[in-house]
Structures are given as C-alpha cells and as structure tokens.
C-alpha cells in the first residue's frame, strides 16, 4: 500500500522461488506414489492446482511489473490486490487439500516408512 514496488517485487520473486521448490518436490517425489483408489484426490488434481497457482503467480508478477513502470490509480491497485487475494485463496485451498489428503494419506504408506528408516 506504500507503493514500495521494488520491495514487493523482491518478496514476490522470493515467494516464487520457494513455491516452485515446493511444487517440484511434490511432483517429483510425492505425486508419483499416488495410486488411484489409495488417495482421496488423484495426482492430476494436485498438478492442475499447481498449474493454476503458477498462472495466478505469473499474473501477480506481471501486474506488479506494470505497477513499477506506470503510476497506478487506486482502481489499478485494488485490482492488483484482488488478484493477489485470489492467489492466496487458491494456495490456501491447495495447502488444505495437501494436509487432509496427500500428506496425511502418504504418511502411512509403506514406501514412506522404508525411506524414513533408511534416511535416519
């Protein structure tokens, strides 16, 4: 709200880096173990949410880039915040799905227990 666009851009880039690492880990190491009928939601649901999150994040980053180049009106700032609110909502919904589905259901899986035993 203080129009500190450079700082906001730095934070958004940092958030993107962490989010991409999370998505990459989940898609590479967890989702391949999702078998139809074993988990509440199929791996395609998680992947589709990841693509939607990436799309919304790109839109937020593009909006912020515009804000840095042009004088923003109050309406444009509100639109930017609305877009970020949508991103936040989708990320929160995805996190809830992971907690209730993916993480909870994979926690008891045999391959997780074997890997934890060998790692420790």
PDB file of N, CA and C in Angstrom:
ATOM      1  N   UNK A   1       0.822  -1.196   0.000  1.00  0.00           N
ATOM      2  CA  UNK A   1       0.000   0.000   0.000  1.00  0.00           C
ATOM      3  C   UNK A   1       0.863   1.256   0.000  1.00  0.00           C
ATOM      4  N   UNK A   2       2.110   1.104   0.431  1.00  0.00           N
ATOM      5  CA  UNK A   2       3.018   2.246   0.425  1.00  0.00           C
ATOM      6  C   UNK A   2       3.674   2.430  -0.941  1.00  0.00           C
ATOM      7  N   UNK A   3       3.306   1.596  -1.879  1.00  0.00           N
ATOM      8  CA  UNK A   3       3.844   1.641  -3.245  1.00  0.00           C
ATOM      9  C   UNK A   3       5.352   1.415  -3.272  1.00  0.00           C
ATOM     10  N   UNK A   4       5.805   0.538  -2.415  1.00  0.00           N
ATOM     11  CA  UNK A   4       7.220   0.154  -2.419  1.00  0.00           C
ATOM     12  C   UNK A   4       7.347  -1.028  -3.381  1.00  0.00           C
ATOM     13  N   UNK A   5       7.272  -0.711  -4.663  1.00  0.00           N
ATOM     14  CA  UNK A   5       7.186  -1.710  -5.716  1.00  0.00           C
ATOM     15  C   UNK A   5       8.433  -2.597  -5.775  1.00  0.00           C
ATOM     16  N   UNK A   6       9.603  -2.027  -5.622  1.00  0.00           N
ATOM     17  CA  UNK A   6      10.841  -2.817  -5.693  1.00  0.00           C
ATOM     18  C   UNK A   6      10.875  -3.865  -4.573  1.00  0.00           C
ATOM     19  N   UNK A   7      10.526  -3.438  -3.369  1.00  0.00           N
ATOM     20  CA  UNK A   7      10.498  -4.367  -2.245  1.00  0.00           C
ATOM     21  C   UNK A   7       9.445  -5.454  -2.461  1.00  0.00           C
ATOM     22  N   UNK A   8       8.298  -5.054  -2.950  1.00  0.00           N
ATOM     23  CA  UNK A   8       7.231  -6.026  -3.220  1.00  0.00           C
ATOM     24  C   UNK A   8       7.678  -7.031  -4.278  1.00  0.00           C
ATOM     25  N   UNK A   9       8.368  -6.551  -5.305  1.00  0.00           N
ATOM     26  CA  UNK A   9       8.852  -7.443  -6.368  1.00  0.00           C
ATOM     27  C   UNK A   9       9.871  -8.431  -5.820  1.00  0.00           C
ATOM     28  N   UNK A  10      10.772  -7.970  -4.960  1.00  0.00           N
ATOM     29  CA  UNK A  10      11.769  -8.862  -4.356  1.00  0.00           C
ATOM     30  C   UNK A  10      11.091  -9.958  -3.545  1.00  0.00           C
ATOM     31  N   UNK A  11      10.102  -9.563  -2.770  1.00  0.00           N
ATOM     32  CA  UNK A  11       9.396 -10.549  -1.941  1.00  0.00           C
ATOM     33  C   UNK A  11       8.613 -11.548  -2.801  1.00  0.00           C
ATOM     34  N   UNK A  12       8.035 -11.069  -3.874  1.00  0.00           N
ATOM     35  CA  UNK A  12       7.279 -11.958  -4.741  1.00  0.00           C
ATOM     36  C   UNK A  12       8.204 -12.931  -5.467  1.00  0.00           C
ATOM     37  N   UNK A  13       9.364 -12.480  -5.882  1.00  0.00           N
ATOM     38  CA  UNK A  13      10.344 -13.368  -6.520  1.00  0.00           C
ATOM     39  C   UNK A  13      10.819 -14.429  -5.523  1.00  0.00           C
ATOM     40  N   UNK A  14      11.052 -14.021  -4.284  1.00  0.00           N
ATOM     41  CA  UNK A  14      11.454 -14.970  -3.247  1.00  0.00           C
ATOM     42  C   UNK A  14      10.343 -15.994  -2.999  1.00  0.00           C
ATOM     43  N   UNK A  15       9.108 -15.516  -2.925  1.00  0.00           N
ATOM     44  CA  UNK A  15       7.964 -16.414  -2.743  1.00  0.00           C
ATOM     45  C   UNK A  15       7.875 -17.393  -3.910  1.00  0.00           C
ATOM     46  N   UNK A  16       8.071 -16.890  -5.119  1.00  0.00           N
ATOM     47  CA  UNK A  16       8.026 -17.750  -6.310  1.00  0.00           C
ATOM     48  C   UNK A  16       9.082 -18.855  -6.203  1.00  0.00           C
ATOM     49  N   UNK A  17      10.286 -18.520  -5.764  1.00  0.00           N
ATOM     50  CA  UNK A  17      11.359 -19.493  -5.653  1.00  0.00           C
ATOM     51  C   UNK A  17      10.964 -20.615  -4.681  1.00  0.00           C
ATOM     52  N   UNK A  18      10.433 -20.250  -3.523  1.00  0.00           N
ATOM     53  CA  UNK A  18      10.019 -21.258  -2.551  1.00  0.00           C
ATOM     54  C   UNK A  18       8.839 -22.082  -3.056  1.00  0.00           C
ATOM     55  N   UNK A  19       7.906 -21.434  -3.698  1.00  0.00           N
ATOM     56  CA  UNK A  19       6.737 -22.130  -4.217  1.00  0.00           C
ATOM     57  C   UNK A  19       7.130 -23.125  -5.296  1.00  0.00           C
ATOM     58  N   UNK A  20       8.003 -22.713  -6.199  1.00  0.00           N
ATOM     59  CA  UNK A  20       8.471 -23.625  -7.261  1.00  0.00           C
ATOM     60  C   UNK A  20       9.221 -24.821  -6.681  1.00  0.00           C
ATOM     61  N   UNK A  21      10.017 -24.601  -5.641  1.00  0.00           N
ATOM     62  CA  UNK A  21      10.725 -25.711  -4.999  1.00  0.00           C
ATOM     63  C   UNK A  21       9.726 -26.695  -4.390  1.00  0.00           C
ATOM     64  N   UNK A  22       8.692 -26.152  -3.763  1.00  0.00           N
ATOM     65  CA  UNK A  22       7.643 -26.993  -3.168  1.00  0.00           C
ATOM     66  C   UNK A  22       6.954 -27.820  -4.250  1.00  0.00           C
ATOM     67  N   UNK A  23       6.564 -27.167  -5.326  1.00  0.00           N
ATOM     68  CA  UNK A  23       5.865 -27.858  -6.415  1.00  0.00           C
ATOM     69  C   UNK A  23       6.761 -28.923  -7.034  1.00  0.00           C
ATOM     70  N   UNK A  24       8.007 -28.581  -7.294  1.00  0.00           N
ATOM     71  CA  UNK A  24       8.937 -29.543  -7.900  1.00  0.00           C
ATOM     72  C   UNK A  24       9.122 -30.763  -6.996  1.00  0.00           C
ATOM     73  N   UNK A  25       9.323 -30.532  -5.706  1.00  0.00           N
ATOM     74  CA  UNK A  25       9.484 -31.650  -4.779  1.00  0.00           C
ATOM     75  C   UNK A  25       8.245 -32.530  -4.771  1.00  0.00           C
ATOM     76  N   UNK A  26       7.088 -31.900  -4.656  1.00  0.00           N
ATOM     77  CA  UNK A  26       5.840 -32.661  -4.584  1.00  0.00           C
ATOM     78  C   UNK A  26       5.616 -33.473  -5.857  1.00  0.00           C
ATOM     79  N   UNK A  27       5.849 -32.852  -7.015  1.00  0.00           N
ATOM     80  CA  UNK A  27       5.603 -33.556  -8.272  1.00  0.00           C
ATOM     81  C   UNK A  27       6.647 -34.642  -8.542  1.00  0.00           C
ATOM     82  N   UNK A  28       7.860 -34.433  -8.088  1.00  0.00           N
ATOM     83  CA  UNK A  28       8.922 -35.402  -8.343  1.00  0.00           C
ATOM     84  C   UNK A  28       8.917 -36.548  -7.334  1.00  0.00           C
ATOM     85  N   UNK A  29       8.647 -36.239  -6.059  1.00  0.00           N
ATOM     86  CA  UNK A  29       8.835 -37.248  -5.024  1.00  0.00           C
ATOM     87  C   UNK A  29       7.553 -37.791  -4.394  1.00  0.00           C
ATOM     88  N   UNK A  30       6.477 -37.023  -4.415  1.00  0.00           N
ATOM     89  CA  UNK A  30       5.257 -37.490  -3.754  1.00  0.00           C
ATOM     90  C   UNK A  30       4.191 -37.975  -4.732  1.00  0.00           C
ATOM     91  N   UNK A  31       3.896 -37.157  -5.733  1.00  0.00           N
ATOM     92  CA  UNK A  31       2.789 -37.498  -6.628  1.00  0.00           C
ATOM     93  C   UNK A  31       2.982 -38.797  -7.396  1.00  0.00           C
ATOM     94  N   UNK A  32       4.217 -39.178  -7.745  1.00  0.00           N
ATOM     95  CA  UNK A  32       4.361 -40.473  -8.432  1.00  0.00           C
ATOM     96  C   UNK A  32       3.875 -41.658  -7.586  1.00  0.00           C
ATOM     97  N   UNK A  33       3.762 -41.470  -6.285  1.00  0.00           N
ATOM     98  CA  UNK A  33       3.306 -42.547  -5.409  1.00  0.00           C
ATOM     99  C   UNK A  33       1.796 -42.557  -5.224  1.00  0.00           C
ATOM    100  N   UNK A  34       1.123 -41.620  -5.846  1.00  0.00           N
ATOM    101  CA  UNK A  34      -0.336 -41.564  -5.735  1.00  0.00           C
ATOM    102  C   UNK A  34      -0.939 -42.597  -6.674  1.00  0.00           C
ATOM    103  N   UNK A  35      -1.682 -43.498  -6.109  1.00  0.00           N
ATOM    104  CA  UNK A  35      -2.348 -44.515  -6.905  1.00  0.00           C
ATOM    105  C   UNK A  35      -3.847 -44.306  -6.783  1.00  0.00           C
ATOM    106  N   UNK A  36      -4.525 -44.449  -7.895  1.00  0.00           N
ATOM    107  CA  UNK A  36      -5.974 -44.274  -7.897  1.00  0.00           C
ATOM    108  C   UNK A  36      -6.586 -45.246  -6.898  1.00  0.00           C
ATOM    109  N   UNK A  37      -7.477 -44.740  -6.097  1.00  0.00           N
ATOM    110  CA  UNK A  37      -8.149 -45.552  -5.106  1.00  0.00           C
ATOM    111  C   UNK A  37      -7.469 -45.530  -3.753  1.00  0.00           C
ATOM    112  N   UNK A  38      -6.164 -45.166  -3.723  1.00  0.00           N
ATOM    113  CA  UNK A  38      -5.468 -45.128  -2.442  1.00  0.00           C
ATOM    114  C   UNK A  38      -5.569 -43.753  -1.795  1.00  0.00           C
ATOM    115  N   UNK A  39      -5.611 -42.723  -2.615  1.00  0.00           N
ATOM    116  CA  UNK A  39      -5.675 -41.359  -2.104  1.00  0.00           C
ATOM    117  C   UNK A  39      -7.032 -40.738  -2.405  1.00  0.00           C
ATOM    118  N   UNK A  40      -7.388 -39.776  -1.611  1.00  0.00           N
ATOM    119  CA  UNK A  40      -8.668 -39.092  -1.763  1.00  0.00           C
ATOM    120  C   UNK A  40      -8.760 -38.373  -3.107  1.00  0.00           C
ATOM    121  N   UNK A  41      -7.651 -37.715  -3.505  1.00  0.00           N
ATOM    122  CA  UNK A  41      -7.623 -36.989  -4.773  1.00  0.00           C
ATOM    123  C   UNK A  41      -6.479 -37.527  -5.633  1.00  0.00           C
ATOM    124  N   UNK A  42      -6.741 -37.677  -6.909  1.00  0.00           N
ATOM    125  CA  UNK A  42      -5.734 -38.182  -7.843  1.00  0.00           C
ATOM    126  C   UNK A  42      -4.610 -37.156  -8.013  1.00  0.00           C
ATOM    127  N   UNK A  43      -3.455 -37.621  -8.435  1.00  0.00           N
ATOM    128  CA  UNK A  43      -2.308 -36.733  -8.618  1.00  0.00           C
ATOM    129  C   UNK A  43      -2.606 -35.631  -9.631  1.00  0.00           C
ATOM    130  N   UNK A  44      -3.495 -35.892 -10.581  1.00  0.00           N
ATOM    131  CA  UNK A  44      -3.846 -34.883 -11.579  1.00  0.00           C
ATOM    132  C   UNK A  44      -4.510 -33.658 -10.940  1.00  0.00           C
ATOM    133  N   UNK A  45      -5.210 -33.866  -9.850  1.00  0.00           N
ATOM    134  CA  UNK A  45      -5.844 -32.750  -9.142  1.00  0.00           C
ATOM    135  C   UNK A  45      -4.775 -31.817  -8.575  1.00  0.00           C
ATOM    136  N   UNK A  46      -3.770 -32.407  -7.956  1.00  0.00           N
ATOM    137  CA  UNK A  46      -2.678 -31.604  -7.392  1.00  0.00           C
ATOM    138  C   UNK A  46      -1.902 -30.891  -8.498  1.00  0.00           C
ATOM    139  N   UNK A  47      -1.630 -31.598  -9.589  1.00  0.00           N
ATOM    140  CA  UNK A  47      -0.901 -30.981 -10.700  1.00  0.00           C
ATOM    141  C   UNK A  47      -1.705 -29.838 -11.327  1.00  0.00           C
ATOM    142  N   UNK A  48      -3.001 -30.023 -11.469  1.00  0.00           N
ATOM    143  CA  UNK A  48      -3.846 -28.964 -12.020  1.00  0.00           C
ATOM    144  C   UNK A  48      -3.839 -27.742 -11.103  1.00  0.00           C
ATOM    145  N   UNK A  49      -3.874 -27.973  -9.807  1.00  0.00           N
ATOM    146  CA  UNK A  49      -3.801 -26.853  -8.870  1.00  0.00           C
ATOM    147  C   UNK A  49      -2.446 -26.155  -8.963  1.00  0.00           C
ATOM    148  N   UNK A  50      -1.393 -26.929  -9.132  1.00  0.00           N
ATOM    149  CA  UNK A  50      -0.069 -26.319  -9.289  1.00  0.00           C
ATOM    150  C   UNK A  50      -0.032 -25.406 -10.512  1.00  0.00           C
ATOM    151  N   UNK A  51      -0.600 -25.875 -11.626  1.00  0.00           N
ATOM    152  CA  UNK A  51      -0.603 -25.043 -12.838  1.00  0.00           C
ATOM    153  C   UNK A  51      -1.418 -23.771 -12.608  1.00  0.00           C
ATOM    154  N   UNK A  52      -2.534 -23.883 -11.898  1.00  0.00           N
ATOM    155  CA  UNK A  52      -3.368 -22.710 -11.609  1.00  0.00           C
ATOM    156  C   UNK A  52      -2.619 -21.732 -10.695  1.00  0.00           C
ATOM    157  N   UNK A  53      -1.945 -22.245  -9.707  1.00  0.00           N
ATOM    158  CA  UNK A  53      -1.160 -21.397  -8.807  1.00  0.00           C
ATOM    159  C   UNK A  53      -0.065 -20.680  -9.590  1.00  0.00           C
ATOM    160  N   UNK A  54       0.620 -21.418 -10.448  1.00  0.00           N
ATOM    161  CA  UNK A  54       1.677 -20.804 -11.267  1.00  0.00           C
ATOM    162  C   UNK A  54       1.108 -19.715 -12.174  1.00  0.00           C
ATOM    163  N   UNK A  55      -0.069 -19.969 -12.734  1.00  0.00           N
ATOM    164  CA  UNK A  55      -0.724 -18.985 -13.599  1.00  0.00           C
ATOM    165  C   UNK A  55      -1.075 -17.715 -12.811  1.00  0.00           C
ATOM    166  N   UNK A  56      -1.647 -17.886 -11.642  1.00  0.00           N
ATOM    167  CA  UNK A  56      -2.017 -16.733 -10.821  1.00  0.00           C
ATOM    168  C   UNK A  56      -0.782 -15.983 -10.325  1.00  0.00           C
ATOM    169  N   UNK A  57       0.266 -16.708 -10.007  1.00  0.00           N
ATOM    170  CA  UNK A  57       1.502 -16.068  -9.571  1.00  0.00           C
ATOM    171  C   UNK A  57       2.103 -15.245 -10.709  1.00  0.00           C
ATOM    172  N   UNK A  58       2.108 -15.797 -11.910  1.00  0.00           N
ATOM    173  CA  UNK A  58       2.616 -15.063 -13.072  1.00  0.00           C
ATOM    174  C   UNK A  58       1.795 -13.792 -13.291  1.00  0.00           C
ATOM    175  N   UNK A  59       0.488 -13.905 -13.150  1.00  0.00           N
ATOM    176  CA  UNK A  59      -0.384 -12.737 -13.322  1.00  0.00           C
ATOM    177  C   UNK A  59      -0.061 -11.672 -12.266  1.00  0.00           C
ATOM    178  N   UNK A  60       0.164 -12.097 -11.028  1.00  0.00           N
ATOM    179  CA  UNK A  60       0.512 -11.155  -9.958  1.00  0.00           C
ATOM    180  C   UNK A  60       1.849 -10.493 -10.251  1.00  0.00           C
ATOM    181  N   UNK A  61       2.796 -11.271 -10.744  1.00  0.00           N
ATOM    182  CA  UNK A  61       4.117 -10.719 -11.054  1.00  0.00           C
ATOM    183  C   UNK A  61       4.032  -9.732 -12.224  1.00  0.00           C
ATOM    184  N   UNK A  62       3.224 -10.063 -13.208  1.00  0.00           N
ATOM    185  CA  UNK A  62       3.036  -9.153 -14.346  1.00  0.00           C
ATOM    186  C   UNK A  62       2.369  -7.854 -13.893  1.00  0.00           C
ATOM    187  N   UNK A  63       1.371  -7.964 -13.024  1.00  0.00           N
ATOM    188  CA  UNK A  63       0.692  -6.778 -12.502  1.00  0.00           C
ATOM    189  C   UNK A  63       1.634  -5.902 -11.698  1.00  0.00           C
ATOM    190  N   UNK A  64       2.489  -6.536 -10.931  1.00  0.00           N
ATOM    191  CA  UNK A  64       3.462  -5.780 -10.155  1.00  0.00           C
ATOM    192  C   UNK A  64       4.485  -5.099 -11.065  1.00  0.00           C
ATOM    193  N   UNK A  65       4.866  -5.779 -12.123  1.00  0.00           N
ATOM    194  CA  UNK A  65       5.796  -5.170 -13.092  1.00  0.00           C
ATOM    195  C   UNK A  65       5.173  -3.923 -13.718  1.00  0.00           C
ATOM    196  N   UNK A  66       3.886  -3.985 -14.030  1.00  0.00           N
ATOM    197  CA  UNK A  66       3.192  -2.805 -14.566  1.00  0.00           C
ATOM    198  C   UNK A  66       3.168  -1.680 -13.533  1.00  0.00           C
ATOM    199  N   UNK A  67       2.929  -2.051 -12.293  1.00  0.00           N
ATOM    200  CA  UNK A  67       2.880  -1.044 -11.230  1.00  0.00           C
ATOM    201  C   UNK A  67       4.216  -0.319 -11.096  1.00  0.00           C
ATOM    202  N   UNK A  68       5.282  -1.030 -11.359  1.00  0.00           N
ATOM    203  CA  UNK A  68       6.609  -0.420 -11.236  1.00  0.00           C
ATOM    204  C   UNK A  68       6.902   0.524 -12.397  1.00  0.00           C
ATOM    205  N   UNK A  69       6.242   0.305 -13.533  1.00  0.00           N
ATOM    206  CA  UNK A  69       6.522   1.127 -14.716  1.00  0.00           C
ATOM    207  C   UNK A  69       5.613   2.338 -14.847  1.00  0.00           C
ATOM    208  N   UNK A  70       4.408   2.234 -14.329  1.00  0.00           N
ATOM    209  CA  UNK A  70       3.418   3.285 -14.525  1.00  0.00           C
ATOM    210  C   UNK A  70       2.868   3.759 -13.186  1.00  0.00           C
ATOM    211  N   UNK A  71       2.386   4.955 -13.168  1.00  0.00           N
ATOM    212  CA  UNK A  71       1.696   5.465 -11.979  1.00  0.00           C
ATOM    213  C   UNK A  71       0.379   4.703 -11.861  1.00  0.00           C
ATOM    214  N   UNK A  72       0.165   4.103 -10.719  1.00  0.00           N
ATOM    215  CA  UNK A  72      -1.019   3.280 -10.528  1.00  0.00           C
ATOM    216  C   UNK A  72      -2.160   4.098  -9.937  1.00  0.00           C
ATOM    217  N   UNK A  73      -3.329   3.920 -10.506  1.00  0.00           N
ATOM    218  CA  UNK A  73      -4.530   4.527  -9.950  1.00  0.00           C
ATOM    219  C   UNK A  73      -5.007   3.676  -8.771  1.00  0.00           C
ATOM    220  N   UNK A  74      -5.889   4.235  -7.990  1.00  0.00           N
ATOM    221  CA  UNK A  74      -6.452   3.476  -6.872  1.00  0.00           C
ATOM    222  C   UNK A  74      -7.160   2.223  -7.382  1.00  0.00           C
ATOM    223  N   UNK A  75      -7.882   2.346  -8.489  1.00  0.00           N
ATOM    224  CA  UNK A  75      -8.595   1.200  -9.054  1.00  0.00           C
ATOM    225  C   UNK A  75      -7.624   0.106  -9.498  1.00  0.00           C
ATOM    226  N   UNK A  76      -6.493   0.500 -10.079  1.00  0.00           N
ATOM    227  CA  UNK A  76      -5.499  -0.480 -10.533  1.00  0.00           C
ATOM    228  C   UNK A  76      -4.860  -1.197  -9.340  1.00  0.00           C
ATOM    229  N   UNK A  77      -4.626  -0.456  -8.275  1.00  0.00           N
ATOM    230  CA  UNK A  77      -4.060  -1.074  -7.071  1.00  0.00           C
ATOM    231  C   UNK A  77      -5.050  -2.065  -6.467  1.00  0.00           C
ATOM    232  N   UNK A  78      -6.311  -1.709  -6.438  1.00  0.00           N
ATOM    233  CA  UNK A  78      -7.343  -2.614  -5.923  1.00  0.00           C
ATOM    234  C   UNK A  78      -7.415  -3.873  -6.776  1.00  0.00           C
ATOM    235  N   UNK A  79      -7.324  -3.720  -8.089  1.00  0.00           N
ATOM    236  CA  UNK A  79      -7.336  -4.878  -8.986  1.00  0.00           C
ATOM    237  C   UNK A  79      -6.132  -5.776  -8.721  1.00  0.00           C
ATOM    238  N   UNK A  80      -4.981  -5.175  -8.487  1.00  0.00           N
ATOM    239  CA  UNK A  80      -3.765  -5.924  -8.170  1.00  0.00           C
ATOM    240  C   UNK A  80      -3.946  -6.709  -6.866  1.00  0.00           C
ATOM    241  N   UNK A  81      -4.498  -6.059  -5.865  1.00  0.00           N
ATOM    242  CA  UNK A  81      -4.734  -6.724  -4.583  1.00  0.00           C
ATOM    243  C   UNK A  81      -5.771  -7.838  -4.703  1.00  0.00           C
ATOM    244  N   UNK A  82      -6.793  -7.631  -5.524  1.00  0.00           N
ATOM    245  CA  UNK A  82      -7.801  -8.673  -5.741  1.00  0.00           C
ATOM    246  C   UNK A  82      -7.179  -9.911  -6.365  1.00  0.00           C
ATOM    247  N   UNK A  83      -6.286  -9.699  -7.326  1.00  0.00           N
ATOM    248  CA  UNK A  83      -5.600 -10.821  -7.956  1.00  0.00           C
ATOM    249  C   UNK A  83      -4.739 -11.583  -6.970  1.00  0.00           C
ATOM    250  N   UNK A  84      -4.065 -10.851  -6.112  1.00  0.00           N
ATOM    251  CA  UNK A  84      -3.240 -11.500  -5.103  1.00  0.00           C
ATOM    252  C   UNK A  84      -4.108 -12.236  -4.077  1.00  0.00           C
ATOM    253  N   UNK A  85      -5.287 -11.695  -3.817  1.00  0.00           N
ATOM    254  CA  UNK A  85      -6.217 -12.366  -2.900  1.00  0.00           C
ATOM    255  C   UNK A  85      -6.650 -13.709  -3.492  1.00  0.00           C
ATOM    256  N   UNK A  86      -6.883 -13.731  -4.797  1.00  0.00           N
ATOM    257  CA  UNK A  86      -7.256 -14.976  -5.465  1.00  0.00           C
ATOM    258  C   UNK A  86      -6.124 -15.990  -5.367  1.00  0.00           C
ATOM    259  N   UNK A  87      -4.896 -15.546  -5.619  1.00  0.00           N
ATOM    260  CA  UNK A  87      -3.730 -16.426  -5.493  1.00  0.00           C
ATOM    261  C   UNK A  87      -3.644 -16.992  -4.081  1.00  0.00           C
ATOM    262  N   UNK A  88      -3.779 -16.132  -3.094  1.00  0.00           N
ATOM    263  CA  UNK A  88      -3.701 -16.567  -1.702  1.00  0.00           C
ATOM    264  C   UNK A  88      -4.782 -17.605  -1.395  1.00  0.00           C
ATOM    265  N   UNK A  89      -5.981 -17.372  -1.878  1.00  0.00           N
ATOM    266  CA  UNK A  89      -7.085 -18.306  -1.639  1.00  0.00           C
ATOM    267  C   UNK A  89      -6.795 -19.669  -2.265  1.00  0.00           C
ATOM    268  N   UNK A  90      -6.316 -19.690  -3.495  1.00  0.00           N
ATOM    269  CA  UNK A  90      -6.036 -20.956  -4.178  1.00  0.00           C
ATOM    270  C   UNK A  90      -4.901 -21.694  -3.473  1.00  0.00           C
ATOM    271  N   UNK A  91      -3.852 -20.967  -3.062  1.00  0.00           N
ATOM    272  CA  UNK A  91      -2.739 -21.591  -2.343  1.00  0.00           C
ATOM    273  C   UNK A  91      -3.225 -22.172  -1.014  1.00  0.00           C
ATOM    274  N   UNK A  92      -4.044 -21.435  -0.294  1.00  0.00           N
ATOM    275  CA  UNK A  92      -4.574 -21.935   0.980  1.00  0.00           C
ATOM    276  C   UNK A  92      -5.426 -23.177   0.769  1.00  0.00           C
ATOM    277  N   UNK A  93      -6.265 -23.166  -0.261  1.00  0.00           N
ATOM    278  CA  UNK A  93      -7.105 -24.319  -0.577  1.00  0.00           C
ATOM    279  C   UNK A  93      -6.224 -25.526  -0.929  1.00  0.00           C
ATOM    280  N   UNK A  94      -5.196 -25.302  -1.719  1.00  0.00           N
ATOM    281  CA  UNK A  94      -4.283 -26.377  -2.109  1.00  0.00           C
ATOM    282  C   UNK A  94      -3.565 -26.934  -0.879  1.00  0.00           C
ATOM    283  N   UNK A  95      -3.104 -26.058  -0.009  1.00  0.00           N
ATOM    284  CA  UNK A  95      -2.417 -26.495   1.204  1.00  0.00           C
ATOM    285  C   UNK A  95      -3.353 -27.349   2.066  1.00  0.00           C
ATOM    286  N   UNK A  96      -4.581 -26.933   2.180  1.00  0.00           N
ATOM    287  CA  UNK A  96      -5.558 -27.701   2.951  1.00  0.00           C
ATOM    288  C   UNK A  96      -5.763 -29.082   2.328  1.00  0.00           C
ATOM    289  N   UNK A  97      -5.842 -29.130   1.000  1.00  0.00           N
ATOM    290  CA  UNK A  97      -6.008 -30.420   0.310  1.00  0.00           C
ATOM    291  C   UNK A  97      -4.780 -31.306   0.574  1.00  0.00           C
ATOM    292  N   UNK A  98      -3.589 -30.719   0.542  1.00  0.00           N
ATOM    293  CA  UNK A  98      -2.379 -31.492   0.819  1.00  0.00           C
ATOM    294  C   UNK A  98      -2.414 -32.057   2.239  1.00  0.00           C
ATOM    295  N   UNK A  99      -2.766 -31.220   3.202  1.00  0.00           N
ATOM    296  CA  UNK A  99      -2.782 -31.650   4.601  1.00  0.00           C
ATOM    297  C   UNK A  99      -3.813 -32.755   4.842  1.00  0.00           C
ATOM    298  N   UNK A 100      -5.016 -32.576   4.286  1.00  0.00           N
ATOM    299  CA  UNK A 100      -6.084 -33.549   4.521  1.00  0.00           C
ATOM    300  C   UNK A 100      -5.942 -34.788   3.647  1.00  0.00           C
ATOM    301  N   UNK A 101      -5.343 -34.619   2.485  1.00  0.00           N
ATOM    302  CA  UNK A 101      -5.250 -35.730   1.553  1.00  0.00           C
ATOM    303  C   UNK A 101      -3.842 -36.254   1.408  1.00  0.00           C
ATOM    304  N   UNK A 102      -3.084 -35.601   0.574  1.00  0.00           N
ATOM    305  CA  UNK A 102      -1.773 -36.096   0.165  1.00  0.00           C
ATOM    306  C   UNK A 102      -0.856 -36.424   1.338  1.00  0.00           C
ATOM    307  N   UNK A 103      -0.577 -35.465   2.198  1.00  0.00           N
ATOM    308  CA  UNK A 103       0.381 -35.689   3.288  1.00  0.00           C
ATOM    309  C   UNK A 103      -0.145 -36.699   4.292  1.00  0.00           C
ATOM    310  N   UNK A 104      -1.388 -36.553   4.682  1.00  0.00           N
ATOM    311  CA  UNK A 104      -1.968 -37.456   5.677  1.00  0.00           C
ATOM    312  C   UNK A 104      -2.019 -38.886   5.160  1.00  0.00           C
ATOM    313  N   UNK A 105      -2.390 -39.053   3.904  1.00  0.00           N
ATOM    314  CA  UNK A 105      -2.553 -40.401   3.370  1.00  0.00           C
ATOM    315  C   UNK A 105      -1.225 -41.052   3.002  1.00  0.00           C
ATOM    316  N   UNK A 106      -0.253 -40.262   2.586  1.00  0.00           N
ATOM    317  CA  UNK A 106       1.057 -40.827   2.269  1.00  0.00           C
ATOM    318  C   UNK A 106       1.883 -41.100   3.523  1.00  0.00           C
ATOM    319  N   UNK A 107       1.551 -40.451   4.626  1.00  0.00           N
ATOM    320  CA  UNK A 107       2.294 -40.629   5.877  1.00  0.00           C
ATOM    321  C   UNK A 107       2.337 -42.094   6.289  1.00  0.00           C
ATOM    322  N   UNK A 108       1.269 -42.815   6.058  1.00  0.00           N
ATOM    323  CA  UNK A 108       1.217 -44.219   6.458  1.00  0.00           C
ATOM    324  C   UNK A 108       1.622 -45.193   5.366  1.00  0.00           C
ATOM    325  N   UNK A 109       2.019 -44.681   4.211  1.00  0.00           N
ATOM    326  CA  UNK A 109       2.369 -45.564   3.093  1.00  0.00           C
ATOM    327  C   UNK A 109       3.673 -46.308   3.376  1.00  0.00           C
ATOM    328  N   UNK A 110       3.766 -47.532   2.895  1.00  0.00           N
ATOM    329  CA  UNK A 110       4.944 -48.370   3.129  1.00  0.00           C
ATOM    330  C   UNK A 110       6.224 -47.742   2.602  1.00  0.00           C
ATOM    331  N   UNK A 111       6.185 -47.154   1.398  1.00  0.00           N
ATOM    332  CA  UNK A 111       7.416 -46.590   0.813  1.00  0.00           C
ATOM    333  C   UNK A 111       7.935 -45.421   1.641  1.00  0.00           C
ATOM    334  N   UNK A 112       7.025 -44.650   2.276  1.00  0.00           N
ATOM    335  CA  UNK A 112       7.451 -43.523   3.117  1.00  0.00           C
ATOM    336  C   UNK A 112       8.171 -44.054   4.346  1.00  0.00           C
ATOM    337  N   UNK A 113       7.608 -45.080   4.959  1.00  0.00           N
ATOM    338  CA  UNK A 113       8.207 -45.655   6.149  1.00  0.00           C
ATOM    339  C   UNK A 113       9.573 -46.264   5.855  1.00  0.00           C
ATOM    340  N   UNK A 114       9.728 -46.929   4.706  1.00  0.00           N
ATOM    341  CA  UNK A 114      11.022 -47.508   4.321  1.00  0.00           C
ATOM    342  C   UNK A 114      12.057 -46.410   4.102  1.00  0.00           C
ATOM    343  N   UNK A 115      11.670 -45.346   3.368  1.00  0.00           N
ATOM    344  CA  UNK A 115      12.608 -44.263   3.093  1.00  0.00           C
ATOM    345  C   UNK A 115      12.991 -43.541   4.378  1.00  0.00           C
ATOM    346  N   UNK A 116      12.066 -43.361   5.293  1.00  0.00           N
ATOM    347  CA  UNK A 116      12.373 -42.697   6.562  1.00  0.00           C
ATOM    348  C   UNK A 116      13.333 -43.544   7.389  1.00  0.00           C
ATOM    349  N   UNK A 117      13.162 -44.843   7.358  1.00  0.00           N
ATOM    350  CA  UNK A 117      14.036 -45.731   8.127  1.00  0.00           C
ATOM    351  C   UNK A 117      15.457 -45.725   7.574  1.00  0.00           C
ATOM    352  N   UNK A 118      15.600 -45.663   6.256  1.00  0.00           N
ATOM    353  CA  UNK A 118      16.931 -45.655   5.652  1.00  0.00           C
ATOM    354  C   UNK A 118      17.593 -44.295   5.770  1.00  0.00           C
ATOM    355  N   UNK A 119      16.790 -43.241   5.832  1.00  0.00           N
ATOM    356  CA  UNK A 119      17.346 -41.880   5.939  1.00  0.00           C
ATOM    357  C   UNK A 119      17.823 -41.596   7.353  1.00  0.00           C
ATOM    358  N   UNK A 120      17.211 -42.198   8.332  1.00  0.00           N
ATOM    359  CA  UNK A 120      17.522 -41.884   9.717  1.00  0.00           C
ATOM    360  C   UNK A 120      18.625 -42.716  10.225  1.00  0.00           C
TER     361      UNK A 120
END
